[in-house]
Amino acid sequence: METPFDTKSQEYRVVPPEEVAAILQKQEAHIAAARAKAYEAGDWSSYLFLCTRRGLRLLKFCGIQHRLSDAEYWEMLAELWVDTELPSTNRPLWRELFTSTRGGREHLMSAAEHAVLNGLPPHVTLFRGAALKFARGMAWTLDRDKAAWFARRFEHGAIITATVPKCRVLACFLAREEDEVVIDSRRIRYEVLESERAVA
């Protein structure tokens, strides 16, 4: 009996490179058209997240921020941050966006995230798993075990800790179950708890 996993009856062919290129070009054209449609409609979330290169989304956001309401600005900034990888590569820009004086900042976080932020002590002990060259990043966690998980992702990763005044905390995010705390990390003092060998 043939099953969905039975490959004996399947026929495969090698797809020529030019055909692959044509398929990809068609897909890119479709996405570009969808992004243009979203832009015209003012559907800014779709406009940003239809940008397939994550690294460009932050720049696209900067280009449309003047078109956003205050609520949209903060909600979309949170979406972008949670979705991004390696935010340390754009740390000054992220810091500028998170410290904006725009109104409606309450829209940056959910009610549960606001509760976490409000419950933090005056001085907060945080952890971070990262390559040492990115030790002074903006993304930290309240969970040491989660920091260890991140440290294992990087060559020469380490568990880093810092205790910072609560006024340095810019946001708390729970979306990825990381107990994430975003801070203004300029000039903070940190300590390396464990190197990559210890957490491997």
C-alpha atoms as a PDB file:
ATOM      1  CA  MET A   1       0.000   0.000   0.000  1.00  0.00           C
ATOM      2  CA  GLU A   2       1.281   3.439  -0.892  1.00  0.00           C
ATOM      3  CA  THR A   3       1.616   5.917   1.985  1.00  0.00           C
ATOM      4  CA  PRO A   4       2.473   9.644   2.055  1.00  0.00           C
ATOM      5  CA  PHE A   5       5.971   8.545   3.027  1.00  0.00           C
ATOM      6  CA  ASP A   6       6.357   5.971   0.257  1.00  0.00           C
ATOM      7  CA  THR A   7       8.819   7.475  -2.235  1.00  0.00           C
ATOM      8  CA  LYS A   8       9.093   4.459  -4.515  1.00  0.00           C
ATOM      9  CA  SER A   9       6.246   5.616  -6.720  1.00  0.00           C
ATOM     10  CA  GLN A  10       7.401   9.228  -6.799  1.00  0.00           C
ATOM     11  CA  GLU A  11       9.209  10.696  -9.777  1.00  0.00           C
ATOM     12  CA  TYR A  12      11.857  13.324  -9.202  1.00  0.00           C
ATOM     13  CA  ARG A  13      13.674  15.512 -11.629  1.00  0.00           C
ATOM     14  CA  VAL A  14      16.575  17.898 -11.389  1.00  0.00           C
ATOM     15  CA  VAL A  15      15.321  21.447 -11.762  1.00  0.00           C
ATOM     16  CA  PRO A  16      17.612  23.470 -14.041  1.00  0.00           C
ATOM     17  CA  PRO A  17      19.200  26.539 -12.408  1.00  0.00           C
ATOM     18  CA  GLU A  18      17.475  28.893 -14.836  1.00  0.00           C
ATOM     19  CA  GLU A  19      14.086  27.472 -13.843  1.00  0.00           C
ATOM     20  CA  VAL A  20      14.900  27.902 -10.150  1.00  0.00           C
ATOM     21  CA  ALA A  21      15.949  31.496 -10.849  1.00  0.00           C
ATOM     22  CA  ALA A  22      12.694  32.148 -12.702  1.00  0.00           C
ATOM     23  CA  ILE A  23      10.645  30.759  -9.799  1.00  0.00           C
ATOM     24  CA  LEU A  24      12.536  32.880  -7.282  1.00  0.00           C
ATOM     25  CA  GLN A  25      12.174  35.961  -9.459  1.00  0.00           C
ATOM     26  CA  LYS A  26       8.433  35.387  -9.697  1.00  0.00           C
ATOM     27  CA  GLN A  27       8.179  34.999  -5.923  1.00  0.00           C
ATOM     28  CA  GLU A  28      10.181  38.176  -5.329  1.00  0.00           C
ATOM     29  CA  ALA A  29       7.968  40.075  -7.769  1.00  0.00           C
ATOM     30  CA  HIS A  30       4.863  38.806  -5.963  1.00  0.00           C
ATOM     31  CA  ILE A  31       6.248  39.896  -2.581  1.00  0.00           C
ATOM     32  CA  ALA A  32       7.286  43.285  -3.968  1.00  0.00           C
ATOM     33  CA  ALA A  33       3.780  43.820  -5.330  1.00  0.00           C
ATOM     34  CA  ALA A  34       2.247  42.828  -1.986  1.00  0.00           C
ATOM     35  CA  ARG A  35       4.567  45.238  -0.156  1.00  0.00           C
ATOM     36  CA  ALA A  36       3.656  48.061  -2.527  1.00  0.00           C
ATOM     37  CA  LYS A  37      -0.035  47.329  -1.987  1.00  0.00           C
ATOM     38  CA  ALA A  38       0.464  47.325   1.791  1.00  0.00           C
ATOM     39  CA  TYR A  39       2.309  50.651   1.583  1.00  0.00           C
ATOM     40  CA  GLU A  40      -0.494  52.269  -0.414  1.00  0.00           C
ATOM     41  CA  ALA A  41      -3.068  50.923   2.046  1.00  0.00           C
ATOM     42  CA  GLY A  42      -1.100  52.095   5.080  1.00  0.00           C
ATOM     43  CA  ASP A  43      -0.852  48.500   6.296  1.00  0.00           C
ATOM     44  CA  TRP A  44       2.523  49.149   7.880  1.00  0.00           C
ATOM     45  CA  SER A  45       2.915  45.855   9.704  1.00  0.00           C
ATOM     46  CA  SER A  46       2.478  43.891   6.482  1.00  0.00           C
ATOM     47  CA  TYR A  47       4.747  46.324   4.662  1.00  0.00           C
ATOM     48  CA  LEU A  48       7.555  45.678   7.131  1.00  0.00           C
ATOM     49  CA  PHE A  49       7.209  41.951   7.603  1.00  0.00           C
ATOM     50  CA  LEU A  50       6.888  41.247   3.887  1.00  0.00           C
ATOM     51  CA  CYS A  51      10.482  42.452   3.751  1.00  0.00           C
ATOM     52  CA  THR A  52      12.191  39.070   3.620  1.00  0.00           C
ATOM     53  CA  ARG A  53      15.564  40.373   4.806  1.00  0.00           C
ATOM     54  CA  ARG A  54      15.291  40.873   8.548  1.00  0.00           C
ATOM     55  CA  GLY A  55      18.231  43.232   8.590  1.00  0.00           C
ATOM     56  CA  LEU A  56      16.347  45.710   6.394  1.00  0.00           C
ATOM     57  CA  ARG A  57      13.165  45.820   8.449  1.00  0.00           C
ATOM     58  CA  LEU A  58      14.612  48.182  11.029  1.00  0.00           C
ATOM     59  CA  LEU A  59      15.688  50.626   8.322  1.00  0.00           C
ATOM     60  CA  LYS A  60      12.277  50.383   6.649  1.00  0.00           C
ATOM     61  CA  PHE A  61      10.677  51.132  10.014  1.00  0.00           C
ATOM     62  CA  CYS A  62      12.811  54.262  10.355  1.00  0.00           C
ATOM     63  CA  GLY A  63      11.636  55.320   6.920  1.00  0.00           C
ATOM     64  CA  ILE A  64       7.935  55.114   7.795  1.00  0.00           C
ATOM     65  CA  GLN A  65       7.915  56.071  11.475  1.00  0.00           C
ATOM     66  CA  HIS A  66       6.636  59.583  10.648  1.00  0.00           C
ATOM     67  CA  ARG A  67       3.570  57.988   9.067  1.00  0.00           C
ATOM     68  CA  LEU A  68       2.696  55.979  12.179  1.00  0.00           C
ATOM     69  CA  SER A  69       0.415  56.941  15.002  1.00  0.00           C
ATOM     70  CA  ASP A  70       2.013  56.842  18.449  1.00  0.00           C
ATOM     71  CA  ALA A  71       0.319  53.527  19.238  1.00  0.00           C
ATOM     72  CA  GLU A  72       1.467  52.016  15.931  1.00  0.00           C
ATOM     73  CA  TYR A  73       5.023  53.219  16.525  1.00  0.00           C
ATOM     74  CA  TRP A  74       5.382  51.469  19.876  1.00  0.00           C
ATOM     75  CA  GLU A  75       3.489  48.323  18.900  1.00  0.00           C
ATOM     76  CA  MET A  76       5.551  47.863  15.742  1.00  0.00           C
ATOM     77  CA  LEU A  77       8.813  48.638  17.524  1.00  0.00           C
ATOM     78  CA  ALA A  78       8.023  45.792  19.926  1.00  0.00           C
ATOM     79  CA  GLU A  79       7.200  43.460  17.012  1.00  0.00           C
ATOM     80  CA  LEU A  80      10.446  44.328  15.271  1.00  0.00           C
ATOM     81  CA  TRP A  81      12.560  43.858  18.379  1.00  0.00           C
ATOM     82  CA  VAL A  82      11.073  40.479  19.259  1.00  0.00           C
ATOM     83  CA  ASP A  83      11.587  39.280  15.677  1.00  0.00           C
ATOM     84  CA  THR A  84      15.116  40.575  15.201  1.00  0.00           C
ATOM     85  CA  GLU A  85      18.383  38.669  15.425  1.00  0.00           C
ATOM     86  CA  LEU A  86      21.658  40.188  16.677  1.00  0.00           C
ATOM     87  CA  PRO A  87      20.284  43.616  17.631  1.00  0.00           C
ATOM     88  CA  SER A  88      23.754  44.579  18.894  1.00  0.00           C
ATOM     89  CA  THR A  89      24.752  45.317  15.296  1.00  0.00           C
ATOM     90  CA  ASN A  90      22.378  48.323  15.337  1.00  0.00           C
ATOM     91  CA  ARG A  91      22.558  49.210  19.022  1.00  0.00           C
ATOM     92  CA  PRO A  92      22.683  53.047  18.714  1.00  0.00           C
ATOM     93  CA  LEU A  93      19.664  53.050  16.399  1.00  0.00           C
ATOM     94  CA  TRP A  94      17.660  50.693  18.621  1.00  0.00           C
ATOM     95  CA  ARG A  95      18.480  52.844  21.645  1.00  0.00           C
ATOM     96  CA  GLU A  96      17.323  55.972  19.827  1.00  0.00           C
ATOM     97  CA  LEU A  97      14.018  54.324  18.918  1.00  0.00           C
ATOM     98  CA  PHE A  98      13.390  52.909  22.404  1.00  0.00           C
ATOM     99  CA  THR A  99      14.096  56.276  24.050  1.00  0.00           C
ATOM    100  CA  SER A 100      11.802  58.245  21.741  1.00  0.00           C
ATOM    101  CA  THR A 101       9.757  60.950  23.446  1.00  0.00           C
ATOM    102  CA  ARG A 102       6.633  60.046  21.466  1.00  0.00           C
ATOM    103  CA  GLY A 103       3.455  59.599  23.462  1.00  0.00           C
ATOM    104  CA  GLY A 104       1.633  56.305  23.881  1.00  0.00           C
ATOM    105  CA  ARG A 105       4.619  54.394  25.253  1.00  0.00           C
ATOM    106  CA  GLU A 106       2.210  52.117  27.130  1.00  0.00           C
ATOM    107  CA  HIS A 107       1.593  50.373  23.793  1.00  0.00           C
ATOM    108  CA  LEU A 108       5.163  49.029  23.762  1.00  0.00           C
ATOM    109  CA  MET A 109       4.293  46.217  26.161  1.00  0.00           C
ATOM    110  CA  SER A 110       1.365  43.999  27.093  1.00  0.00           C
ATOM    111  CA  ALA A 111      -0.370  44.182  30.465  1.00  0.00           C
ATOM    112  CA  ALA A 112       1.621  41.163  31.659  1.00  0.00           C
ATOM    113  CA  GLU A 113       4.881  42.769  30.520  1.00  0.00           C
ATOM    114  CA  HIS A 114       4.007  46.017  32.294  1.00  0.00           C
ATOM    115  CA  ALA A 115       3.365  43.969  35.443  1.00  0.00           C
ATOM    116  CA  VAL A 116       6.846  42.428  35.210  1.00  0.00           C
ATOM    117  CA  LEU A 117       8.423  45.847  34.682  1.00  0.00           C
ATOM    118  CA  ASN A 118       6.517  47.394  37.581  1.00  0.00           C
ATOM    119  CA  GLY A 119       7.527  44.509  39.833  1.00  0.00           C
ATOM    120  CA  LEU A 120      11.264  44.891  39.277  1.00  0.00           C
ATOM    121  CA  PRO A 121      13.350  46.043  42.259  1.00  0.00           C
ATOM    122  CA  PRO A 122      15.249  49.374  42.216  1.00  0.00           C
ATOM    123  CA  HIS A 123      18.386  47.499  41.107  1.00  0.00           C
ATOM    124  CA  VAL A 124      17.900  44.564  38.753  1.00  0.00           C
ATOM    125  CA  THR A 125      20.269  41.624  38.336  1.00  0.00           C
ATOM    126  CA  LEU A 126      20.258  40.443  34.725  1.00  0.00           C
ATOM    127  CA  PHE A 127      21.944  37.764  32.646  1.00  0.00           C
ATOM    128  CA  ARG A 128      23.027  37.594  29.054  1.00  0.00           C
ATOM    129  CA  GLY A 129      24.325  34.802  26.822  1.00  0.00           C
ATOM    130  CA  ALA A 130      26.492  36.184  24.040  1.00  0.00           C
ATOM    131  CA  ALA A 131      29.880  36.298  22.413  1.00  0.00           C
ATOM    132  CA  LEU A 132      32.156  38.395  24.591  1.00  0.00           C
ATOM    133  CA  LYS A 133      32.580  41.057  21.909  1.00  0.00           C
ATOM    134  CA  PHE A 134      28.834  41.705  22.303  1.00  0.00           C
ATOM    135  CA  ALA A 135      28.840  41.545  26.103  1.00  0.00           C
ATOM    136  CA  ARG A 136      27.429  45.045  26.520  1.00  0.00           C
ATOM    137  CA  GLY A 137      24.286  44.477  24.480  1.00  0.00           C
ATOM    138  CA  MET A 138      20.738  45.691  25.051  1.00  0.00           C
ATOM    139  CA  ALA A 139      19.004  42.288  25.306  1.00  0.00           C
ATOM    140  CA  TRP A 140      19.201  40.607  28.728  1.00  0.00           C
ATOM    141  CA  THR A 141      17.114  38.146  30.687  1.00  0.00           C
ATOM    142  CA  LEU A 142      16.015  37.583  34.259  1.00  0.00           C
ATOM    143  CA  ASP A 143      16.639  33.838  33.756  1.00  0.00           C
ATOM    144  CA  ARG A 144      20.222  32.577  34.046  1.00  0.00           C
ATOM    145  CA  ASP A 145      19.312  29.252  32.407  1.00  0.00           C
ATOM    146  CA  LYS A 146      17.984  31.100  29.371  1.00  0.00           C
ATOM    147  CA  ALA A 147      21.231  33.081  29.199  1.00  0.00           C
ATOM    148  CA  ALA A 148      23.140  29.774  29.226  1.00  0.00           C
ATOM    149  CA  TRP A 149      21.015  28.563  26.286  1.00  0.00           C
ATOM    150  CA  PHE A 150      21.925  31.663  24.311  1.00  0.00           C
ATOM    151  CA  ALA A 151      25.591  31.333  25.228  1.00  0.00           C
ATOM    152  CA  ARG A 152      25.664  27.867  23.677  1.00  0.00           C
ATOM    153  CA  ARG A 153      24.462  29.310  20.374  1.00  0.00           C
ATOM    154  CA  PHE A 154      27.637  31.317  19.871  1.00  0.00           C
ATOM    155  CA  GLU A 155      31.232  30.406  19.295  1.00  0.00           C
ATOM    156  CA  HIS A 156      33.113  31.810  22.299  1.00  0.00           C
ATOM    157  CA  GLY A 157      29.784  32.433  24.026  1.00  0.00           C
ATOM    158  CA  ALA A 158      29.616  33.249  27.709  1.00  0.00           C
ATOM    159  CA  ILE A 159      27.128  33.879  30.503  1.00  0.00           C
ATOM    160  CA  ILE A 160      27.369  37.515  31.536  1.00  0.00           C
ATOM    161  CA  THR A 161      25.679  39.258  34.432  1.00  0.00           C
ATOM    162  CA  ALA A 162      25.092  42.869  35.396  1.00  0.00           C
ATOM    163  CA  THR A 163      23.122  44.679  38.068  1.00  0.00           C
ATOM    164  CA  VAL A 164      21.604  47.887  36.737  1.00  0.00           C
ATOM    165  CA  PRO A 165      19.322  50.615  38.100  1.00  0.00           C
ATOM    166  CA  LYS A 166      15.700  50.073  37.144  1.00  0.00           C
ATOM    167  CA  CYS A 167      15.758  53.425  35.328  1.00  0.00           C
ATOM    168  CA  ARG A 168      18.023  51.781  32.725  1.00  0.00           C
ATOM    169  CA  VAL A 169      15.298  49.278  31.796  1.00  0.00           C
ATOM    170  CA  LEU A 170      13.582  50.233  28.542  1.00  0.00           C
ATOM    171  CA  ALA A 171      11.162  47.316  28.182  1.00  0.00           C
ATOM    172  CA  CYS A 172      10.291  43.781  29.248  1.00  0.00           C
ATOM    173  CA  PHE A 173       9.126  41.208  26.703  1.00  0.00           C
ATOM    174  CA  LEU A 174       7.581  37.800  27.389  1.00  0.00           C
ATOM    175  CA  ALA A 175       6.598  36.834  23.821  1.00  0.00           C
ATOM    176  CA  ARG A 176       9.336  34.212  23.352  1.00  0.00           C
ATOM    177  CA  GLU A 177       9.287  32.991  26.963  1.00  0.00           C
ATOM    178  CA  GLU A 178      12.747  34.472  27.471  1.00  0.00           C
ATOM    179  CA  ASP A 179      11.945  36.850  30.371  1.00  0.00           C
ATOM    180  CA  GLU A 180      13.676  39.427  28.203  1.00  0.00           C
ATOM    181  CA  VAL A 181      14.699  42.811  29.570  1.00  0.00           C
ATOM    182  CA  VAL A 182      15.863  45.529  27.190  1.00  0.00           C
ATOM    183  CA  ILE A 183      18.224  48.046  28.743  1.00  0.00           C
ATOM    184  CA  ASP A 184      20.263  51.111  27.927  1.00  0.00           C
ATOM    185  CA  SER A 185      23.570  49.287  28.220  1.00  0.00           C
ATOM    186  CA  ARG A 186      25.972  52.189  27.807  1.00  0.00           C
ATOM    187  CA  ARG A 187      28.782  52.152  30.371  1.00  0.00           C
ATOM    188  CA  ILE A 188      27.276  49.368  32.446  1.00  0.00           C
ATOM    189  CA  ARG A 189      29.603  47.202  34.494  1.00  0.00           C
ATOM    190  CA  TYR A 190      29.277  43.488  33.832  1.00  0.00           C
ATOM    191  CA  GLU A 191      30.868  40.260  34.975  1.00  0.00           C
ATOM    192  CA  VAL A 192      31.554  37.091  33.001  1.00  0.00           C
ATOM    193  CA  LEU A 193      30.202  34.158  34.983  1.00  0.00           C
ATOM    194  CA  GLU A 194      30.996  31.271  32.669  1.00  0.00           C
ATOM    195  CA  SER A 195      32.913  30.915  29.430  1.00  0.00           C
ATOM    196  CA  GLU A 196      31.886  28.789  26.439  1.00  0.00           C
ATOM    197  CA  ARG A 197      33.652  25.710  27.850  1.00  0.00           C
ATOM    198  CA  ALA A 198      31.659  25.848  31.052  1.00  0.00           C
ATOM    199  CA  VAL A 199      28.278  26.141  29.342  1.00  0.00           C
ATOM    200  CA  ALA A 200      28.902  23.703  26.475  1.00  0.00           C
END
